[in-house]
């Protein structure tokens, strides 16, 4: 998840950055000033959605990029259509940002798609 552009950086925005990242207010201010910047990496999609919503509610422009397919998840949080998912490494169904639930690969047959995280 990343901040796409510098926001107003008021007290509410700084508190949201602190809640999401655990950074001090001073370091949160530096982070907002350096936008665009990555805020969270390698976190489950649900956590990234909650963090992005918290930042957006505070006026910080934030977006979630899927690490599987490099697409940006829509702001409304809806799952992506599976057609444009073009990961070279994973089947489309493994992309947690798309709307498919499972696939027929060996991993999903043995463990199920819920064992995968972003």
PDB file of N, CA and C in Angstrom:
ATOM      1  N   UNK A   1       0.836  -1.151   0.000  1.00  0.00           N
ATOM      2  CA  UNK A   1       0.000   0.000   0.000  1.00  0.00           C
ATOM      3  C   UNK A   1       0.890   1.226   0.000  1.00  0.00           C
ATOM      4  N   UNK A   2       0.498   2.247  -0.747  1.00  0.00           N
ATOM      5  CA  UNK A   2       1.348   3.428  -0.827  1.00  0.00           C
ATOM      6  C   UNK A   2       0.525   4.706  -0.829  1.00  0.00           C
ATOM      7  N   UNK A   3       1.173   5.779  -0.397  1.00  0.00           N
ATOM      8  CA  UNK A   3       0.598   7.122  -0.472  1.00  0.00           C
ATOM      9  C   UNK A   3       0.957   7.652  -1.846  1.00  0.00           C
ATOM     10  N   UNK A   4      -0.038   8.103  -2.597  1.00  0.00           N
ATOM     11  CA  UNK A   4       0.176   8.461  -3.995  1.00  0.00           C
ATOM     12  C   UNK A   4       0.660   9.885  -4.213  1.00  0.00           C
ATOM     13  N   UNK A   5       0.309  10.790  -3.309  1.00  0.00           N
ATOM     14  CA  UNK A   5       0.739  12.184  -3.456  1.00  0.00           C
ATOM     15  C   UNK A   5       0.735  12.851  -2.089  1.00  0.00           C
ATOM     16  N   UNK A   6       1.485  13.937  -1.946  1.00  0.00           N
ATOM     17  CA  UNK A   6       1.504  14.612  -0.646  1.00  0.00           C
ATOM     18  C   UNK A   6       0.109  15.109  -0.276  1.00  0.00           C
ATOM     19  N   UNK A   7      -0.299  14.854   0.930  1.00  0.00           N
ATOM     20  CA  UNK A   7      -1.591  15.330   1.407  1.00  0.00           C
ATOM     21  C   UNK A   7      -1.416  16.615   2.187  1.00  0.00           C
ATOM     22  N   UNK A   8      -2.499  17.069   2.788  1.00  0.00           N
ATOM     23  CA  UNK A   8      -2.434  18.291   3.579  1.00  0.00           C
ATOM     24  C   UNK A   8      -1.583  18.093   4.825  1.00  0.00           C
ATOM     25  N   UNK A   9      -1.576  16.875   5.345  1.00  0.00           N
ATOM     26  CA  UNK A   9      -0.704  16.576   6.476  1.00  0.00           C
ATOM     27  C   UNK A   9      -1.130  17.184   7.783  1.00  0.00           C
ATOM     28  N   UNK A  10      -2.420  17.413   7.956  1.00  0.00           N
ATOM     29  CA  UNK A  10      -2.903  17.934   9.223  1.00  0.00           C
ATOM     30  C   UNK A  10      -2.773  16.909  10.333  1.00  0.00           C
ATOM     31  N   UNK A  11      -3.242  17.292  11.503  1.00  0.00           N
ATOM     32  CA  UNK A  11      -3.137  16.422  12.671  1.00  0.00           C
ATOM     33  C   UNK A  11      -3.836  15.085  12.442  1.00  0.00           C
ATOM     34  N   UNK A  12      -4.999  15.114  11.818  1.00  0.00           N
ATOM     35  CA  UNK A  12      -5.739  13.871  11.565  1.00  0.00           C
ATOM     36  C   UNK A  12      -4.961  12.949  10.625  1.00  0.00           C
ATOM     37  N   UNK A  13      -4.338  13.521   9.595  1.00  0.00           N
ATOM     38  CA  UNK A  13      -3.542  12.721   8.658  1.00  0.00           C
ATOM     39  C   UNK A  13      -2.334  12.112   9.358  1.00  0.00           C
ATOM     40  N   UNK A  14      -1.672  12.889  10.194  1.00  0.00           N
ATOM     41  CA  UNK A  14      -0.509  12.376  10.923  1.00  0.00           C
ATOM     42  C   UNK A  14      -0.897  11.265  11.895  1.00  0.00           C
ATOM     43  N   UNK A  15      -2.038  11.413  12.549  1.00  0.00           N
ATOM     44  CA  UNK A  15      -2.507  10.373  13.463  1.00  0.00           C
ATOM     45  C   UNK A  15      -2.837   9.088  12.698  1.00  0.00           C
ATOM     46  N   UNK A  16      -3.408   9.225  11.494  1.00  0.00           N
ATOM     47  CA  UNK A  16      -3.727   8.052  10.675  1.00  0.00           C
ATOM     48  C   UNK A  16      -2.456   7.341  10.231  1.00  0.00           C
ATOM     49  N   UNK A  17      -1.445   8.102   9.817  1.00  0.00           N
ATOM     50  CA  UNK A  17      -0.166   7.503   9.415  1.00  0.00           C
ATOM     51  C   UNK A  17       0.461   6.790  10.605  1.00  0.00           C
ATOM     52  N   UNK A  18       0.378   7.407  11.758  1.00  0.00           N
ATOM     53  CA  UNK A  18       0.940   6.783  12.965  1.00  0.00           C
ATOM     54  C   UNK A  18       0.218   5.475  13.301  1.00  0.00           C
ATOM     55  N   UNK A  19      -1.107   5.474  13.183  1.00  0.00           N
ATOM     56  CA  UNK A  19      -1.886   4.271  13.490  1.00  0.00           C
ATOM     57  C   UNK A  19      -1.584   3.140  12.511  1.00  0.00           C
ATOM     58  N   UNK A  20      -1.378   3.481  11.254  1.00  0.00           N
ATOM     59  CA  UNK A  20      -1.138   2.469  10.217  1.00  0.00           C
ATOM     60  C   UNK A  20       0.287   1.938  10.256  1.00  0.00           C
ATOM     61  N   UNK A  21       1.254   2.821  10.484  1.00  0.00           N
ATOM     62  CA  UNK A  21       2.663   2.430  10.364  1.00  0.00           C
ATOM     63  C   UNK A  21       3.375   2.234  11.692  1.00  0.00           C
ATOM     64  N   UNK A  22       2.889   2.889  12.741  1.00  0.00           N
ATOM     65  CA  UNK A  22       3.588   2.847  14.022  1.00  0.00           C
ATOM     66  C   UNK A  22       4.715   3.863  14.111  1.00  0.00           C
ATOM     67  N   UNK A  23       4.851   4.715  13.103  1.00  0.00           N
ATOM     68  CA  UNK A  23       5.898   5.736  13.103  1.00  0.00           C
ATOM     69  C   UNK A  23       5.545   6.872  14.054  1.00  0.00           C
ATOM     70  N   UNK A  24       6.552   7.602  14.481  1.00  0.00           N
ATOM     71  CA  UNK A  24       6.310   8.790  15.298  1.00  0.00           C
ATOM     72  C   UNK A  24       5.660   9.861  14.422  1.00  0.00           C
ATOM     73  N   UNK A  25       5.116  10.885  15.054  1.00  0.00           N
ATOM     74  CA  UNK A  25       4.485  11.961  14.284  1.00  0.00           C
ATOM     75  C   UNK A  25       5.501  12.655  13.380  1.00  0.00           C
ATOM     76  N   UNK A  26       6.718  12.831  13.872  1.00  0.00           N
ATOM     77  CA  UNK A  26       7.756  13.485  13.073  1.00  0.00           C
ATOM     78  C   UNK A  26       8.088  12.651  11.839  1.00  0.00           C
ATOM     79  N   UNK A  27       8.307  11.351  12.034  1.00  0.00           N
ATOM     80  CA  UNK A  27       8.610  10.478  10.893  1.00  0.00           C
ATOM     81  C   UNK A  27       7.407  10.335   9.962  1.00  0.00           C
ATOM     82  N   UNK A  28       6.206  10.370  10.522  1.00  0.00           N
ATOM     83  CA  UNK A  28       4.996  10.355   9.697  1.00  0.00           C
ATOM     84  C   UNK A  28       4.921  11.582   8.807  1.00  0.00           C
ATOM     85  N   UNK A  29       5.309  12.734   9.352  1.00  0.00           N
ATOM     86  CA  UNK A  29       5.345  13.976   8.572  1.00  0.00           C
ATOM     87  C   UNK A  29       6.350  13.849   7.425  1.00  0.00           C
ATOM     88  N   UNK A  30       7.526  13.281   7.715  1.00  0.00           N
ATOM     89  CA  UNK A  30       8.531  13.062   6.671  1.00  0.00           C
ATOM     90  C   UNK A  30       8.000  12.132   5.586  1.00  0.00           C
ATOM     91  N   UNK A  31       7.298  11.084   5.994  1.00  0.00           N
ATOM     92  CA  UNK A  31       6.735  10.141   5.036  1.00  0.00           C
ATOM     93  C   UNK A  31       5.733  10.835   4.119  1.00  0.00           C
ATOM     94  N   UNK A  32       4.850  11.645   4.689  1.00  0.00           N
ATOM     95  CA  UNK A  32       3.857  12.350   3.878  1.00  0.00           C
ATOM     96  C   UNK A  32       4.515  13.342   2.923  1.00  0.00           C
ATOM     97  N   UNK A  33       5.587  13.977   3.363  1.00  0.00           N
ATOM     98  CA  UNK A  33       6.279  14.950   2.515  1.00  0.00           C
ATOM     99  C   UNK A  33       6.997  14.296   1.345  1.00  0.00           C
ATOM    100  N   UNK A  34       7.340  13.020   1.469  1.00  0.00           N
ATOM    101  CA  UNK A  34       8.097  12.320   0.424  1.00  0.00           C
ATOM    102  C   UNK A  34       7.215  11.565  -0.562  1.00  0.00           C
ATOM    103  N   UNK A  35       5.921  11.715  -0.482  1.00  0.00           N
ATOM    104  CA  UNK A  35       5.012  10.978  -1.364  1.00  0.00           C
ATOM    105  C   UNK A  35       5.305  11.290  -2.825  1.00  0.00           C
ATOM    106  N   UNK A  36       5.162  10.334  -3.720  1.00  0.00           N
ATOM    107  CA  UNK A  36       4.626   8.991  -3.515  1.00  0.00           C
ATOM    108  C   UNK A  36       5.635   8.077  -2.832  1.00  0.00           C
ATOM    109  N   UNK A  37       5.142   7.313  -1.868  1.00  0.00           N
ATOM    110  CA  UNK A  37       6.005   6.446  -1.070  1.00  0.00           C
ATOM    111  C   UNK A  37       5.215   5.218  -0.612  1.00  0.00           C
ATOM    112  N   UNK A  38       5.914   4.096  -0.491  1.00  0.00           N
ATOM    113  CA  UNK A  38       5.291   2.872   0.005  1.00  0.00           C
ATOM    114  C   UNK A  38       5.161   2.951   1.518  1.00  0.00           C
ATOM    115  N   UNK A  39       3.984   2.626   2.018  1.00  0.00           N
ATOM    116  CA  UNK A  39       3.710   2.688   3.450  1.00  0.00           C
ATOM    117  C   UNK A  39       3.762   1.295   4.072  1.00  0.00           C
ATOM    118  N   UNK A  40       3.117   0.329   3.449  1.00  0.00           N
ATOM    119  CA  UNK A  40       3.114  -1.055   3.931  1.00  0.00           C
ATOM    120  C   UNK A  40       3.478  -1.984   2.787  1.00  0.00           C
ATOM    121  N   UNK A  41       4.265  -3.008   3.087  1.00  0.00           N
ATOM    122  CA  UNK A  41       4.633  -4.005   2.091  1.00  0.00           C
ATOM    123  C   UNK A  41       4.353  -5.397   2.633  1.00  0.00           C
ATOM    124  N   UNK A  42       4.030  -6.298   1.729  1.00  0.00           N
ATOM    125  CA  UNK A  42       3.857  -7.712   2.079  1.00  0.00           C
ATOM    126  C   UNK A  42       2.904  -7.916   3.256  1.00  0.00           C
ATOM    127  N   UNK A  43       1.730  -7.310   3.165  1.00  0.00           N
ATOM    128  CA  UNK A  43       0.700  -7.504   4.185  1.00  0.00           C
ATOM    129  C   UNK A  43      -0.521  -8.137   3.526  1.00  0.00           C
ATOM    130  N   UNK A  44      -1.362  -8.836   4.293  1.00  0.00           N
ATOM    131  CA  UNK A  44      -2.581  -9.400   3.719  1.00  0.00           C
ATOM    132  C   UNK A  44      -3.464  -8.306   3.124  1.00  0.00           C
ATOM    133  N   UNK A  45      -4.203  -8.667   2.092  1.00  0.00           N
ATOM    134  CA  UNK A  45      -5.043  -7.706   1.382  1.00  0.00           C
ATOM    135  C   UNK A  45      -6.046  -7.035   2.316  1.00  0.00           C
ATOM    136  N   UNK A  46      -6.636  -7.780   3.234  1.00  0.00           N
ATOM    137  CA  UNK A  46      -7.611  -7.192   4.158  1.00  0.00           C
ATOM    138  C   UNK A  46      -6.982  -6.100   5.018  1.00  0.00           C
ATOM    139  N   UNK A  47      -5.780  -6.338   5.504  1.00  0.00           N
ATOM    140  CA  UNK A  47      -5.088  -5.326   6.322  1.00  0.00           C
ATOM    141  C   UNK A  47      -4.746  -4.098   5.478  1.00  0.00           C
ATOM    142  N   UNK A  48      -4.320  -4.323   4.241  1.00  0.00           N
ATOM    143  CA  UNK A  48      -4.001  -3.199   3.353  1.00  0.00           C
ATOM    144  C   UNK A  48      -5.244  -2.367   3.067  1.00  0.00           C
ATOM    145  N   UNK A  49      -6.382  -3.016   2.882  1.00  0.00           N
ATOM    146  CA  UNK A  49      -7.635  -2.287   2.640  1.00  0.00           C
ATOM    147  C   UNK A  49      -8.007  -1.423   3.838  1.00  0.00           C
ATOM    148  N   UNK A  50      -7.906  -1.989   5.036  1.00  0.00           N
ATOM    149  CA  UNK A  50      -8.230  -1.217   6.238  1.00  0.00           C
ATOM    150  C   UNK A  50      -7.287  -0.031   6.406  1.00  0.00           C
ATOM    151  N   UNK A  51      -6.010  -0.245   6.157  1.00  0.00           N
ATOM    152  CA  UNK A  51      -5.026   0.832   6.284  1.00  0.00           C
ATOM    153  C   UNK A  51      -5.286   1.927   5.257  1.00  0.00           C
ATOM    154  N   UNK A  52      -5.557   1.541   4.020  1.00  0.00           N
ATOM    155  CA  UNK A  52      -5.827   2.532   2.971  1.00  0.00           C
ATOM    156  C   UNK A  52      -7.083   3.327   3.295  1.00  0.00           C
ATOM    157  N   UNK A  53      -8.110   2.655   3.781  1.00  0.00           N
ATOM    158  CA  UNK A  53      -9.352   3.351   4.129  1.00  0.00           C
ATOM    159  C   UNK A  53      -9.110   4.342   5.267  1.00  0.00           C
ATOM    160  N   UNK A  54      -8.321   3.940   6.255  1.00  0.00           N
ATOM    161  CA  UNK A  54      -8.023   4.833   7.388  1.00  0.00           C
ATOM    162  C   UNK A  54      -7.296   6.087   6.901  1.00  0.00           C
ATOM    163  N   UNK A  55      -6.311   5.897   6.022  1.00  0.00           N
ATOM    164  CA  UNK A  55      -5.577   7.043   5.483  1.00  0.00           C
ATOM    165  C   UNK A  55      -6.478   7.914   4.618  1.00  0.00           C
ATOM    166  N   UNK A  56      -7.288   7.301   3.764  1.00  0.00           N
ATOM    167  CA  UNK A  56      -8.173   8.065   2.890  1.00  0.00           C
ATOM    168  C   UNK A  56      -9.196   8.861   3.687  1.00  0.00           C
ATOM    169  N   UNK A  57      -9.727   8.277   4.750  1.00  0.00           N
ATOM    170  CA  UNK A  57     -10.682   8.993   5.598  1.00  0.00           C
ATOM    171  C   UNK A  57     -10.049  10.212   6.263  1.00  0.00           C
ATOM    172  N   UNK A  58      -8.723  10.168   6.449  1.00  0.00           N
ATOM    173  CA  UNK A  58      -8.002  11.299   7.052  1.00  0.00           C
ATOM    174  C   UNK A  58      -7.520  12.295   5.994  1.00  0.00           C
ATOM    175  N   UNK A  59      -7.859  12.057   4.730  1.00  0.00           N
ATOM    176  CA  UNK A  59      -7.477  12.979   3.665  1.00  0.00           C
ATOM    177  C   UNK A  59      -6.148  12.680   3.004  1.00  0.00           C
ATOM    178  N   UNK A  60      -5.583  11.513   3.280  1.00  0.00           N
ATOM    179  CA  UNK A  60      -4.307  11.118   2.675  1.00  0.00           C
ATOM    180  C   UNK A  60      -4.608  10.260   1.450  1.00  0.00           C
ATOM    181  N   UNK A  61      -4.177  10.681   0.254  1.00  0.00           N
ATOM    182  CA  UNK A  61      -4.426   9.873  -0.941  1.00  0.00           C
ATOM    183  C   UNK A  61      -3.592   8.591  -0.912  1.00  0.00           C
ATOM    184  N   UNK A  62      -4.255   7.449  -0.748  1.00  0.00           N
ATOM    185  CA  UNK A  62      -3.566   6.164  -0.643  1.00  0.00           C
ATOM    186  C   UNK A  62      -4.144   5.181  -1.651  1.00  0.00           C
ATOM    187  N   UNK A  63      -3.312   4.257  -2.100  1.00  0.00           N
ATOM    188  CA  UNK A  63      -3.742   3.231  -3.051  1.00  0.00           C
ATOM    189  C   UNK A  63      -3.093   1.908  -2.685  1.00  0.00           C
ATOM    190  N   UNK A  64      -3.753   0.825  -3.074  1.00  0.00           N
ATOM    191  CA  UNK A  64      -3.229  -0.520  -2.832  1.00  0.00           C
ATOM    192  C   UNK A  64      -2.826  -1.111  -4.169  1.00  0.00           C
ATOM    193  N   UNK A  65      -1.592  -1.580  -4.248  1.00  0.00           N
ATOM    194  CA  UNK A  65      -1.120  -2.272  -5.447  1.00  0.00           C
ATOM    195  C   UNK A  65      -0.950  -3.740  -5.112  1.00  0.00           C
ATOM    196  N   UNK A  66      -1.510  -4.592  -5.942  1.00  0.00           N
ATOM    197  CA  UNK A  66      -1.395  -6.030  -5.739  1.00  0.00           C
ATOM    198  C   UNK A  66       0.029  -6.466  -6.075  1.00  0.00           C
ATOM    199  N   UNK A  67       0.665  -7.187  -5.160  1.00  0.00           N
ATOM    200  CA  UNK A  67       2.034  -7.639  -5.408  1.00  0.00           C
ATOM    201  C   UNK A  67       2.079  -8.836  -6.344  1.00  0.00           C
ATOM    202  N   UNK A  68       0.937  -9.427  -6.616  1.00  0.00           N
ATOM    203  CA  UNK A  68       0.890 -10.581  -7.522  1.00  0.00           C
ATOM    204  C   UNK A  68       0.838 -10.129  -8.971  1.00  0.00           C
ATOM    205  N   UNK A  69       0.041  -9.104  -9.236  1.00  0.00           N
ATOM    206  CA  UNK A  69      -0.203  -8.733 -10.632  1.00  0.00           C
ATOM    207  C   UNK A  69       0.101  -7.266 -10.925  1.00  0.00           C
ATOM    208  N   UNK A  70       0.546  -6.511  -9.947  1.00  0.00           N
ATOM    209  CA  UNK A  70       0.908  -5.097 -10.101  1.00  0.00           C
ATOM    210  C   UNK A  70      -0.247  -4.211 -10.547  1.00  0.00           C
ATOM    211  N   UNK A  71      -1.471  -4.629 -10.276  1.00  0.00           N
ATOM    212  CA  UNK A  71      -2.620  -3.769 -10.569  1.00  0.00           C
ATOM    213  C   UNK A  71      -3.014  -3.021  -9.305  1.00  0.00           C
ATOM    214  N   UNK A  72      -3.640  -1.861  -9.471  1.00  0.00           N
ATOM    215  CA  UNK A  72      -4.108  -1.073  -8.338  1.00  0.00           C
ATOM    216  C   UNK A  72      -5.535  -1.483  -8.012  1.00  0.00           C
ATOM    217  N   UNK A  73      -5.778  -1.798  -6.748  1.00  0.00           N
ATOM    218  CA  UNK A  73      -7.108  -2.188  -6.297  1.00  0.00           C
ATOM    219  C   UNK A  73      -7.977  -0.938  -6.263  1.00  0.00           C
ATOM    220  N   UNK A  74      -9.219  -1.006  -6.778  1.00  0.00           N
ATOM    221  CA  UNK A  74     -10.090   0.174  -6.773  1.00  0.00           C
ATOM    222  C   UNK A  74     -10.325   0.707  -5.364  1.00  0.00           C
ATOM    223  N   UNK A  75     -10.572   1.995  -5.279  1.00  0.00           N
ATOM    224  CA  UNK A  75     -10.752   2.644  -3.980  1.00  0.00           C
ATOM    225  C   UNK A  75     -11.941   2.076  -3.209  1.00  0.00           C
ATOM    226  N   UNK A  76     -12.973   1.635  -3.929  1.00  0.00           N
ATOM    227  CA  UNK A  76     -14.144   1.087  -3.245  1.00  0.00           C
ATOM    228  C   UNK A  76     -13.887  -0.289  -2.643  1.00  0.00           C
ATOM    229  N   UNK A  77     -12.705  -0.872  -2.915  1.00  0.00           N
ATOM    230  CA  UNK A  77     -12.325  -2.143  -2.312  1.00  0.00           C
ATOM    231  C   UNK A  77     -12.872  -3.369  -3.003  1.00  0.00           C
ATOM    232  N   UNK A  78     -13.581  -3.174  -4.119  1.00  0.00           N
ATOM    233  CA  UNK A  78     -14.109  -4.326  -4.846  1.00  0.00           C
ATOM    234  C   UNK A  78     -12.963  -5.154  -5.406  1.00  0.00           C
ATOM    235  N   UNK A  79     -13.204  -6.442  -5.527  1.00  0.00           N
ATOM    236  CA  UNK A  79     -12.192  -7.316  -6.103  1.00  0.00           C
ATOM    237  C   UNK A  79     -12.079  -7.065  -7.597  1.00  0.00           C
ATOM    238  N   UNK A  80     -10.903  -7.304  -8.136  1.00  0.00           N
ATOM    239  CA  UNK A  80     -10.636  -7.054  -9.543  1.00  0.00           C
ATOM    240  C   UNK A  80     -11.150  -8.180 -10.423  1.00  0.00           C
ATOM    241  N   UNK A  81     -11.475  -7.835 -11.654  1.00  0.00           N
ATOM    242  CA  UNK A  81     -11.837  -8.829 -12.657  1.00  0.00           C
ATOM    243  C   UNK A  81     -10.600  -9.673 -12.947  1.00  0.00           C
ATOM    244  N   UNK A  82     -10.709 -10.994 -13.030  1.00  0.00           N
ATOM    245  CA  UNK A  82      -9.521 -11.831 -13.208  1.00  0.00           C
ATOM    246  C   UNK A  82      -8.880 -11.746 -14.586  1.00  0.00           C
ATOM    247  N   UNK A  83      -9.581 -11.245 -15.582  1.00  0.00           N
ATOM    248  CA  UNK A  83      -9.050 -11.262 -16.945  1.00  0.00           C
ATOM    249  C   UNK A  83      -7.702 -10.574 -17.113  1.00  0.00           C
ATOM    250  N   UNK A  84      -7.492  -9.344 -16.608  1.00  0.00           N
ATOM    251  CA  UNK A  84      -6.205  -8.700 -16.861  1.00  0.00           C
ATOM    252  C   UNK A  84      -5.066  -9.142 -15.948  1.00  0.00           C
ATOM    253  N   UNK A  85      -5.313 -10.056 -15.019  1.00  0.00           N
ATOM    254  CA  UNK A  85      -4.254 -10.514 -14.122  1.00  0.00           C
ATOM    255  C   UNK A  85      -3.206 -11.247 -14.944  1.00  0.00           C
ATOM    256  N   UNK A  86      -1.986 -10.759 -14.908  1.00  0.00           N
ATOM    257  CA  UNK A  86      -0.952 -11.307 -15.787  1.00  0.00           C
ATOM    258  C   UNK A  86       0.328 -11.614 -15.030  1.00  0.00           C
ATOM    259  N   UNK A  87       0.212 -12.217 -13.864  1.00  0.00           N
ATOM    260  CA  UNK A  87       1.409 -12.570 -13.117  1.00  0.00           C
ATOM    261  C   UNK A  87       2.168 -13.669 -13.839  1.00  0.00           C
ATOM    262  N   UNK A  88       3.473 -13.507 -13.904  1.00  0.00           N
ATOM    263  CA  UNK A  88       4.300 -14.529 -14.540  1.00  0.00           C
ATOM    264  C   UNK A  88       4.553 -15.690 -13.599  1.00  0.00           C
ATOM    265  N   UNK A  89       4.324 -15.484 -12.326  1.00  0.00           N
ATOM    266  CA  UNK A  89       4.725 -16.463 -11.328  1.00  0.00           C
ATOM    267  C   UNK A  89       3.586 -17.290 -10.748  1.00  0.00           C
ATOM    268  N   UNK A  90       2.373 -16.782 -10.756  1.00  0.00           N
ATOM    269  CA  UNK A  90       1.257 -17.446 -10.091  1.00  0.00           C
ATOM    270  C   UNK A  90       0.062 -17.547 -11.018  1.00  0.00           C
ATOM    271  N   UNK A  91      -0.772 -18.582 -10.839  1.00  0.00           N
ATOM    272  CA  UNK A  91      -2.032 -18.647 -11.581  1.00  0.00           C
ATOM    273  C   UNK A  91      -2.932 -17.478 -11.173  1.00  0.00           C
ATOM    274  N   UNK A  92      -3.799 -17.061 -12.072  1.00  0.00           N
ATOM    275  CA  UNK A  92      -4.686 -15.927 -11.823  1.00  0.00           C
ATOM    276  C   UNK A  92      -5.488 -16.091 -10.541  1.00  0.00           C
ATOM    277  N   UNK A  93      -5.951 -17.289 -10.258  1.00  0.00           N
ATOM    278  CA  UNK A  93      -6.782 -17.505  -9.067  1.00  0.00           C
ATOM    279  C   UNK A  93      -6.028 -17.234  -7.774  1.00  0.00           C
ATOM    280  N   UNK A  94      -4.716 -17.262  -7.785  1.00  0.00           N
ATOM    281  CA  UNK A  94      -3.944 -17.013  -6.568  1.00  0.00           C
ATOM    282  C   UNK A  94      -3.864 -15.533  -6.230  1.00  0.00           C
ATOM    283  N   UNK A  95      -4.127 -14.672  -7.166  1.00  0.00           N
ATOM    284  CA  UNK A  95      -4.109 -13.232  -6.922  1.00  0.00           C
ATOM    285  C   UNK A  95      -5.271 -12.892  -5.996  1.00  0.00           C
ATOM    286  N   UNK A  96      -4.981 -12.450  -4.778  1.00  0.00           N
ATOM    287  CA  UNK A  96      -6.045 -12.186  -3.811  1.00  0.00           C
ATOM    288  C   UNK A  96      -6.847 -10.939  -4.140  1.00  0.00           C
ATOM    289  N   UNK A  97      -6.375 -10.133  -5.057  1.00  0.00           N
ATOM    290  CA  UNK A  97      -7.114  -8.933  -5.424  1.00  0.00           C
ATOM    291  C   UNK A  97      -8.174  -9.215  -6.478  1.00  0.00           C
ATOM    292  N   UNK A  98      -8.161 -10.420  -7.081  1.00  0.00           N
ATOM    293  CA  UNK A  98      -9.177 -10.695  -8.092  1.00  0.00           C
ATOM    294  C   UNK A  98     -10.348 -11.455  -7.498  1.00  0.00           C
ATOM    295  N   UNK A  99     -11.363 -11.671  -8.306  1.00  0.00           N
ATOM    296  CA  UNK A  99     -12.621 -12.218  -7.801  1.00  0.00           C
ATOM    297  C   UNK A  99     -12.704 -13.736  -7.851  1.00  0.00           C
ATOM    298  N   UNK A 100     -11.683 -14.441  -8.303  1.00  0.00           N
ATOM    299  CA  UNK A 100     -11.732 -15.896  -8.317  1.00  0.00           C
ATOM    300  C   UNK A 100     -11.480 -16.447  -6.918  1.00  0.00           C
ATOM    301  N   UNK A 101     -12.081 -17.565  -6.602  1.00  0.00           N
ATOM    302  CA  UNK A 101     -11.932 -18.144  -5.272  1.00  0.00           C
ATOM    303  C   UNK A 101     -10.875 -19.232  -5.219  1.00  0.00           C
ATOM    304  N   UNK A 102     -10.702 -19.987  -6.271  1.00  0.00           N
ATOM    305  CA  UNK A 102      -9.726 -21.072  -6.264  1.00  0.00           C
ATOM    306  C   UNK A 102      -9.370 -21.450  -7.691  1.00  0.00           C
ATOM    307  N   UNK A 103      -8.396 -22.336  -7.804  1.00  0.00           N
ATOM    308  CA  UNK A 103      -8.014 -22.827  -9.125  1.00  0.00           C
ATOM    309  C   UNK A 103      -7.782 -24.329  -9.035  1.00  0.00           C
ATOM    310  N   UNK A 104      -7.310 -24.922 -10.108  1.00  0.00           N
ATOM    311  CA  UNK A 104      -7.118 -26.369 -10.129  1.00  0.00           C
ATOM    312  C   UNK A 104      -5.639 -26.760 -10.071  1.00  0.00           C
ATOM    313  N   UNK A 105      -4.780 -25.886  -9.537  1.00  0.00           N
ATOM    314  CA  UNK A 105      -3.360 -26.222  -9.440  1.00  0.00           C
ATOM    315  C   UNK A 105      -3.127 -27.203  -8.285  1.00  0.00           C
ATOM    316  N   UNK A 106      -1.947 -27.791  -8.233  1.00  0.00           N
ATOM    317  CA  UNK A 106      -1.621 -28.762  -7.182  1.00  0.00           C
ATOM    318  C   UNK A 106      -1.658 -28.135  -5.787  1.00  0.00           C
ATOM    319  N   UNK A 107      -1.165 -26.901  -5.666  1.00  0.00           N
ATOM    320  CA  UNK A 107      -1.134 -26.244  -4.362  1.00  0.00           C
ATOM    321  C   UNK A 107      -2.544 -26.054  -3.817  1.00  0.00           C
ATOM    322  N   UNK A 108      -3.458 -25.528  -4.651  1.00  0.00           N
ATOM    323  CA  UNK A 108      -4.832 -25.301  -4.195  1.00  0.00           C
ATOM    324  C   UNK A 108      -5.539 -26.620  -3.901  1.00  0.00           C
ATOM    325  N   UNK A 109      -5.216 -27.653  -4.665  1.00  0.00           N
ATOM    326  CA  UNK A 109      -5.818 -28.965  -4.411  1.00  0.00           C
ATOM    327  C   UNK A 109      -5.384 -29.507  -3.054  1.00  0.00           C
ATOM    328  N   UNK A 110      -4.125 -29.283  -2.694  1.00  0.00           N
ATOM    329  CA  UNK A 110      -3.595 -29.817  -1.439  1.00  0.00           C
ATOM    330  C   UNK A 110      -3.902 -28.932  -0.232  1.00  0.00           C
ATOM    331  N   UNK A 111      -3.755 -27.610  -0.375  1.00  0.00           N
ATOM    332  CA  UNK A 111      -3.844 -26.712   0.775  1.00  0.00           C
ATOM    333  C   UNK A 111      -5.012 -25.742   0.727  1.00  0.00           C
ATOM    334  N   UNK A 112      -5.569 -25.524  -0.433  1.00  0.00           N
ATOM    335  CA  UNK A 112      -6.631 -24.544  -0.583  1.00  0.00           C
ATOM    336  C   UNK A 112      -6.064 -23.156  -0.775  1.00  0.00           C
ATOM    337  N   UNK A 113      -6.805 -22.261  -1.423  1.00  0.00           N
ATOM    338  CA  UNK A 113      -6.297 -20.915  -1.708  1.00  0.00           C
ATOM    339  C   UNK A 113      -6.162 -20.041  -0.475  1.00  0.00           C
ATOM    340  N   UNK A 114      -6.777 -20.418   0.638  1.00  0.00           N
ATOM    341  CA  UNK A 114      -6.701 -19.579   1.836  1.00  0.00           C
ATOM    342  C   UNK A 114      -5.331 -19.608   2.486  1.00  0.00           C
ATOM    343  N   UNK A 115      -4.462 -20.540   2.102  1.00  0.00           N
ATOM    344  CA  UNK A 115      -3.119 -20.612   2.676  1.00  0.00           C
ATOM    345  C   UNK A 115      -2.186 -19.569   2.077  1.00  0.00           C
ATOM    346  N   UNK A 116      -2.628 -18.880   1.045  1.00  0.00           N
ATOM    347  CA  UNK A 116      -1.789 -17.895   0.366  1.00  0.00           C
ATOM    348  C   UNK A 116      -2.028 -16.511   0.947  1.00  0.00           C
ATOM    349  N   UNK A 117      -0.970 -15.715   1.081  1.00  0.00           N
ATOM    350  CA  UNK A 117      -1.093 -14.322   1.506  1.00  0.00           C
ATOM    351  C   UNK A 117      -0.300 -13.454   0.554  1.00  0.00           C
ATOM    352  N   UNK A 118      -0.648 -12.173   0.526  1.00  0.00           N
ATOM    353  CA  UNK A 118       0.083 -11.226  -0.323  1.00  0.00           C
ATOM    354  C   UNK A 118       1.459 -11.014   0.228  1.00  0.00           C
TER     355      UNK A 118
END
